[in-house]
Amino acid sequence: MLSPEQTVLLLNVIVVFLGYFVIYPRVAGNNFTKITGHDIIATGIVLMTSASIYYGSGIEFNLIITQVNWFWFTLLTYAVIEIPVLLWYMKKHRVEFPK
């Protein structure tokens, strides 16, 4: 059985993997605006999924330096997992910021 932290981390990894390796190359390509829009949806999906499991449960998540609730754990760990993948994706697909 996975701990709550492991469950959220696994969810985050799966969503980032599907986004950057399956969905974004097909629907967003190198368009920064489309990537951003789809990423907002992906972030919402992980937050809604975590909420459906942990909202109101009172479970505290260990974030190494402090204890946080499900929302902050999900959001912060998602960002830590996603940012390196986003930078790699932008370099590989030559994504440019809109002018």
Protein backbone atom coordinates (compact mmCIF):
# COMPACT_ATOMS: atom_id res chain seq x y z
CA MET A 1 0.00 0.00 0.00
CA LEU A 2 1.35 3.40 -0.97
CA SER A 3 1.68 6.21 1.54
CA PRO A 4 -0.24 9.43 0.80
CA GLU A 5 3.01 11.11 -0.29
CA GLN A 6 3.85 8.26 -2.65
CA THR A 7 0.34 8.32 -4.11
CA VAL A 8 0.53 12.03 -4.93
CA LEU A 9 4.07 11.73 -6.30
CA LEU A 10 3.03 8.84 -8.54
CA LEU A 11 0.04 10.84 -9.78
CA ASN A 12 2.30 13.81 -10.54
CA VAL A 13 4.85 11.68 -12.40
CA ILE A 14 2.14 10.01 -14.49
CA VAL A 15 0.51 13.31 -15.46
CA VAL A 16 3.86 14.96 -16.33
CA PHE A 17 4.92 11.92 -18.35
CA LEU A 18 1.65 11.76 -20.29
CA GLY A 19 1.70 15.51 -20.86
CA TYR A 20 5.24 16.00 -22.06
CA PHE A 21 5.84 12.69 -23.82
CA VAL A 22 2.42 11.90 -25.30
CA ILE A 23 -0.05 14.80 -25.37
CA TYR A 24 1.99 18.00 -25.77
CA PRO A 25 4.06 16.84 -28.76
CA ARG A 26 0.82 15.99 -30.58
CA VAL A 27 -1.38 18.95 -29.68
CA ALA A 28 0.96 21.76 -28.64
CA GLY A 29 4.22 21.15 -30.49
CA ASN A 30 6.47 24.15 -29.96
CA ASN A 31 3.67 26.65 -29.25
CA PHE A 32 4.35 28.10 -25.80
CA THR A 33 0.79 29.38 -25.37
CA LYS A 34 -0.71 25.95 -26.09
CA ILE A 35 1.78 24.26 -23.76
CA THR A 36 0.89 26.69 -20.99
CA GLY A 37 -2.84 26.22 -21.50
CA HIS A 38 -2.58 22.45 -21.45
CA ASP A 39 -0.32 22.58 -18.42
CA ILE A 40 -2.89 24.60 -16.49
CA ILE A 41 -5.40 21.84 -17.26
CA ALA A 42 -2.89 19.16 -16.15
CA THR A 43 -2.23 21.02 -12.90
CA GLY A 44 -5.96 21.24 -12.31
CA ILE A 45 -6.30 17.51 -12.88
CA VAL A 46 -3.69 16.61 -10.26
CA LEU A 47 -5.18 19.07 -7.78
CA MET A 48 -8.73 17.81 -8.32
CA THR A 49 -7.61 14.19 -8.06
CA SER A 50 -5.70 14.87 -4.84
CA ALA A 51 -8.66 16.81 -3.47
CA SER A 52 -11.01 13.93 -4.21
CA ILE A 53 -8.81 11.66 -2.09
CA TYR A 54 -7.46 13.91 0.69
CA TYR A 55 -9.73 16.96 1.07
CA GLY A 56 -11.01 17.10 4.63
CA SER A 57 -8.99 14.07 5.70
CA GLY A 58 -6.66 16.02 7.98
CA ILE A 59 -3.67 14.07 6.67
CA GLU A 60 -0.44 16.03 6.83
CA PHE A 61 2.19 15.48 4.16
CA ASN A 62 5.91 15.47 4.89
CA LEU A 63 7.68 18.02 2.70
CA ILE A 64 11.10 17.27 4.28
CA ILE A 65 11.42 20.66 6.02
CA THR A 66 7.81 20.99 7.16
CA GLN A 67 4.40 19.38 7.23
CA VAL A 68 1.83 20.69 4.71
CA ASN A 69 -1.67 19.82 3.60
CA TRP A 70 -2.57 17.91 0.44
CA PHE A 71 -2.93 21.08 -1.68
CA TRP A 72 0.55 22.47 -1.06
CA PHE A 73 2.21 19.07 -1.24
CA THR A 74 0.56 18.35 -4.60
CA LEU A 75 1.30 21.78 -6.07
CA LEU A 76 4.91 22.04 -4.89
CA THR A 77 5.91 18.50 -5.80
CA TYR A 78 4.21 18.85 -9.19
CA ALA A 79 6.27 21.98 -9.86
CA VAL A 80 9.52 20.28 -8.76
CA ILE A 81 8.82 17.32 -11.05
CA GLU A 82 7.55 19.36 -13.98
CA ILE A 83 10.05 22.23 -14.26
CA PRO A 84 13.06 20.11 -15.36
CA VAL A 85 10.87 18.24 -17.85
CA LEU A 86 9.45 21.53 -19.16
CA LEU A 87 12.94 22.96 -19.68
CA TRP A 88 14.04 19.79 -21.47
CA TYR A 89 10.89 19.87 -23.66
CA MET A 90 11.41 23.55 -24.54
CA LYS A 91 15.01 22.90 -25.57
CA LYS A 92 14.20 19.74 -27.54
CA HIS A 93 11.26 21.27 -29.42
CA ARG A 94 12.81 24.74 -29.75
CA VAL A 95 9.93 26.44 -27.96
CA GLU A 96 10.14 30.21 -27.96
CA PHE A 97 8.32 32.61 -25.68
CA PRO A 98 5.61 34.65 -27.42
CA LYS A 99 6.62 38.14 -28.49
